[in-house]
């Protein structure tokens, strides 16, 4: 699965993390309290790590409910192309699931 991070600042919590996904749907993030929703981003071609190695996705990532599929069917989720981001105004982001068209894709997320 993915690595999940929590950063605590001055009495309030800022939750953010990175989740690795493949062709099987998984929960985007754990239960966490948000006030305005969550930002979800799929890294693209311009994204690099500290060693200047590319970390961008090569496939699409779809966001939806627990039935999400990586296609444009009735259960197909909202597609995120590499480099795209979306703000989802949801109270409980743990209800969001992701699935990708290729293995080893990642999404970055931050609770608002």
C-alpha atoms as a PDB file:
ATOM      1  CA  UNK A   1       0.000   0.000   0.000  1.00  0.00           C
ATOM      2  CA  UNK A   2       1.129   3.533   0.618  1.00  0.00           C
ATOM      3  CA  UNK A   3       2.982   5.612   3.134  1.00  0.00           C
ATOM      4  CA  UNK A   4       0.858   7.973   5.215  1.00  0.00           C
ATOM      5  CA  UNK A   5       2.262  11.009   7.022  1.00  0.00           C
ATOM      6  CA  UNK A   6       0.891  13.259   9.753  1.00  0.00           C
ATOM      7  CA  UNK A   7       2.392  16.626  10.645  1.00  0.00           C
ATOM      8  CA  UNK A   8       1.200  18.373  13.800  1.00  0.00           C
ATOM      9  CA  UNK A   9       1.514  22.155  14.134  1.00  0.00           C
ATOM     10  CA  UNK A  10       0.641  24.557  16.985  1.00  0.00           C
ATOM     11  CA  UNK A  11      -2.277  22.675  18.448  1.00  0.00           C
ATOM     12  CA  UNK A  12      -3.914  21.836  15.111  1.00  0.00           C
ATOM     13  CA  UNK A  13      -3.232  18.891  12.846  1.00  0.00           C
ATOM     14  CA  UNK A  14      -2.353  19.041   9.178  1.00  0.00           C
ATOM     15  CA  UNK A  15      -2.759  15.651   7.552  1.00  0.00           C
ATOM     16  CA  UNK A  16      -1.015  14.804   4.322  1.00  0.00           C
ATOM     17  CA  UNK A  17       0.423  11.762   2.668  1.00  0.00           C
ATOM     18  CA  UNK A  18       1.300   9.753  -0.388  1.00  0.00           C
ATOM     19  CA  UNK A  19      -0.598   6.633  -1.384  1.00  0.00           C
ATOM     20  CA  UNK A  20       0.682   4.115  -3.920  1.00  0.00           C
ATOM     21  CA  UNK A  21      -1.992   2.439  -6.017  1.00  0.00           C
ATOM     22  CA  UNK A  22      -2.229  -0.212  -8.701  1.00  0.00           C
ATOM     23  CA  UNK A  23      -5.033  -1.839 -10.635  1.00  0.00           C
ATOM     24  CA  UNK A  24      -6.997  -2.873  -7.518  1.00  0.00           C
ATOM     25  CA  UNK A  25      -9.077  -0.176  -5.755  1.00  0.00           C
ATOM     26  CA  UNK A  26      -7.796   0.933  -2.346  1.00  0.00           C
ATOM     27  CA  UNK A  27      -8.805   3.562   0.207  1.00  0.00           C
ATOM     28  CA  UNK A  28      -7.186   6.931  -0.585  1.00  0.00           C
ATOM     29  CA  UNK A  29      -6.398   7.826   3.035  1.00  0.00           C
ATOM     30  CA  UNK A  30      -7.261   6.859   6.606  1.00  0.00           C
ATOM     31  CA  UNK A  31      -9.998   8.367   8.740  1.00  0.00           C
ATOM     32  CA  UNK A  32      -9.107  11.960   9.340  1.00  0.00           C
ATOM     33  CA  UNK A  33     -10.984  15.101  10.205  1.00  0.00           C
ATOM     34  CA  UNK A  34     -11.253  17.704   7.466  1.00  0.00           C
ATOM     35  CA  UNK A  35     -13.031  21.016   7.524  1.00  0.00           C
ATOM     36  CA  UNK A  36     -13.190  21.832   3.811  1.00  0.00           C
ATOM     37  CA  UNK A  37     -12.292  18.575   2.085  1.00  0.00           C
ATOM     38  CA  UNK A  38      -9.135  17.152   0.580  1.00  0.00           C
ATOM     39  CA  UNK A  39      -6.702  18.050  -2.215  1.00  0.00           C
ATOM     40  CA  UNK A  40      -5.605  15.085  -4.336  1.00  0.00           C
ATOM     41  CA  UNK A  41      -2.762  15.296  -6.863  1.00  0.00           C
ATOM     42  CA  UNK A  42      -1.270  12.825  -9.338  1.00  0.00           C
ATOM     43  CA  UNK A  43       2.407  13.700  -9.956  1.00  0.00           C
ATOM     44  CA  UNK A  44       3.362  14.293 -13.594  1.00  0.00           C
ATOM     45  CA  UNK A  45       6.398  14.311 -15.862  1.00  0.00           C
ATOM     46  CA  UNK A  46       7.952  17.410 -14.280  1.00  0.00           C
ATOM     47  CA  UNK A  47       7.960  15.916 -10.757  1.00  0.00           C
ATOM     48  CA  UNK A  48      11.319  14.667  -9.458  1.00  0.00           C
ATOM     49  CA  UNK A  49      12.661  13.434  -6.134  1.00  0.00           C
ATOM     50  CA  UNK A  50      15.614  14.874  -4.188  1.00  0.00           C
ATOM     51  CA  UNK A  51      18.050  13.102  -6.547  1.00  0.00           C
ATOM     52  CA  UNK A  52      16.354  14.663  -9.623  1.00  0.00           C
ATOM     53  CA  UNK A  53      14.913  11.288 -10.649  1.00  0.00           C
ATOM     54  CA  UNK A  54      11.410  11.359 -12.204  1.00  0.00           C
ATOM     55  CA  UNK A  55       8.575  10.261  -9.911  1.00  0.00           C
ATOM     56  CA  UNK A  56       5.605  11.145 -12.114  1.00  0.00           C
ATOM     57  CA  UNK A  57       2.825   8.737 -12.983  1.00  0.00           C
ATOM     58  CA  UNK A  58       2.664   7.070 -16.377  1.00  0.00           C
ATOM     59  CA  UNK A  59      -0.987   6.034 -16.132  1.00  0.00           C
ATOM     60  CA  UNK A  60      -4.317   7.485 -15.068  1.00  0.00           C
ATOM     61  CA  UNK A  61      -5.607   7.354 -11.499  1.00  0.00           C
ATOM     62  CA  UNK A  62      -9.380   7.276 -10.914  1.00  0.00           C
ATOM     63  CA  UNK A  63     -11.108   8.517  -7.744  1.00  0.00           C
ATOM     64  CA  UNK A  64     -14.543   7.315  -6.628  1.00  0.00           C
ATOM     65  CA  UNK A  65     -16.374   5.242  -4.051  1.00  0.00           C
ATOM     66  CA  UNK A  66     -15.547   1.662  -3.023  1.00  0.00           C
ATOM     67  CA  UNK A  67     -16.782   0.361  -6.411  1.00  0.00           C
ATOM     68  CA  UNK A  68     -14.452   2.584  -8.466  1.00  0.00           C
ATOM     69  CA  UNK A  69     -13.060   1.177 -11.703  1.00  0.00           C
ATOM     70  CA  UNK A  70     -10.330   2.564 -13.947  1.00  0.00           C
ATOM     71  CA  UNK A  71     -12.532   3.220 -16.948  1.00  0.00           C
ATOM     72  CA  UNK A  72     -15.432   5.295 -18.241  1.00  0.00           C
ATOM     73  CA  UNK A  73     -18.199   2.874 -17.203  1.00  0.00           C
ATOM     74  CA  UNK A  74     -20.994   3.525 -14.666  1.00  0.00           C
ATOM     75  CA  UNK A  75     -18.559   2.738 -11.837  1.00  0.00           C
ATOM     76  CA  UNK A  76     -15.618   4.532 -13.437  1.00  0.00           C
ATOM     77  CA  UNK A  77     -14.240   7.222 -11.218  1.00  0.00           C
ATOM     78  CA  UNK A  78     -13.047  10.747 -11.876  1.00  0.00           C
ATOM     79  CA  UNK A  79      -9.815  10.477 -13.888  1.00  0.00           C
ATOM     80  CA  UNK A  80      -6.638  12.256 -12.809  1.00  0.00           C
ATOM     81  CA  UNK A  81      -4.050  12.513 -15.548  1.00  0.00           C
ATOM     82  CA  UNK A  82      -0.398  12.809 -14.515  1.00  0.00           C
ATOM     83  CA  UNK A  83       0.124  16.345 -13.227  1.00  0.00           C
ATOM     84  CA  UNK A  84      -3.544  16.984 -12.383  1.00  0.00           C
ATOM     85  CA  UNK A  85      -4.977  17.933  -9.005  1.00  0.00           C
ATOM     86  CA  UNK A  86      -8.515  18.214  -7.659  1.00  0.00           C
ATOM     87  CA  UNK A  87     -10.124  19.584  -4.505  1.00  0.00           C
ATOM     88  CA  UNK A  88     -12.914  17.342  -3.234  1.00  0.00           C
ATOM     89  CA  UNK A  89     -15.229  19.011  -0.671  1.00  0.00           C
ATOM     90  CA  UNK A  90     -15.977  15.927   1.402  1.00  0.00           C
ATOM     91  CA  UNK A  91     -16.313  15.614   5.182  1.00  0.00           C
ATOM     92  CA  UNK A  92     -14.962  12.070   5.379  1.00  0.00           C
ATOM     93  CA  UNK A  93     -12.166  11.496   2.839  1.00  0.00           C
ATOM     94  CA  UNK A  94     -11.749   7.907   4.060  1.00  0.00           C
ATOM     95  CA  UNK A  95     -14.784   7.116   1.882  1.00  0.00           C
ATOM     96  CA  UNK A  96     -12.746   7.901  -1.240  1.00  0.00           C
ATOM     97  CA  UNK A  97     -11.073   5.087  -3.165  1.00  0.00           C
ATOM     98  CA  UNK A  98      -8.522   5.152  -5.955  1.00  0.00           C
ATOM     99  CA  UNK A  99      -7.495   2.746  -8.702  1.00  0.00           C
ATOM    100  CA  UNK A 100      -5.025   3.120 -11.571  1.00  0.00           C
ATOM    101  CA  UNK A 101      -4.641   1.902 -15.125  1.00  0.00           C
ATOM    102  CA  UNK A 102      -1.060   0.789 -14.371  1.00  0.00           C
ATOM    103  CA  UNK A 103       0.725  -0.573 -11.286  1.00  0.00           C
ATOM    104  CA  UNK A 104       2.856   1.598  -8.983  1.00  0.00           C
ATOM    105  CA  UNK A 105       1.125   4.944  -9.511  1.00  0.00           C
ATOM    106  CA  UNK A 106       1.006   7.470  -6.681  1.00  0.00           C
ATOM    107  CA  UNK A 107      -1.245  10.225  -5.427  1.00  0.00           C
ATOM    108  CA  UNK A 108      -0.394  12.943  -2.959  1.00  0.00           C
ATOM    109  CA  UNK A 109      -3.134  14.254  -0.683  1.00  0.00           C
ATOM    110  CA  UNK A 110      -3.708  16.877   1.969  1.00  0.00           C
ATOM    111  CA  UNK A 111      -6.723  17.420   4.224  1.00  0.00           C
ATOM    112  CA  UNK A 112      -8.094  20.960   4.303  1.00  0.00           C
END
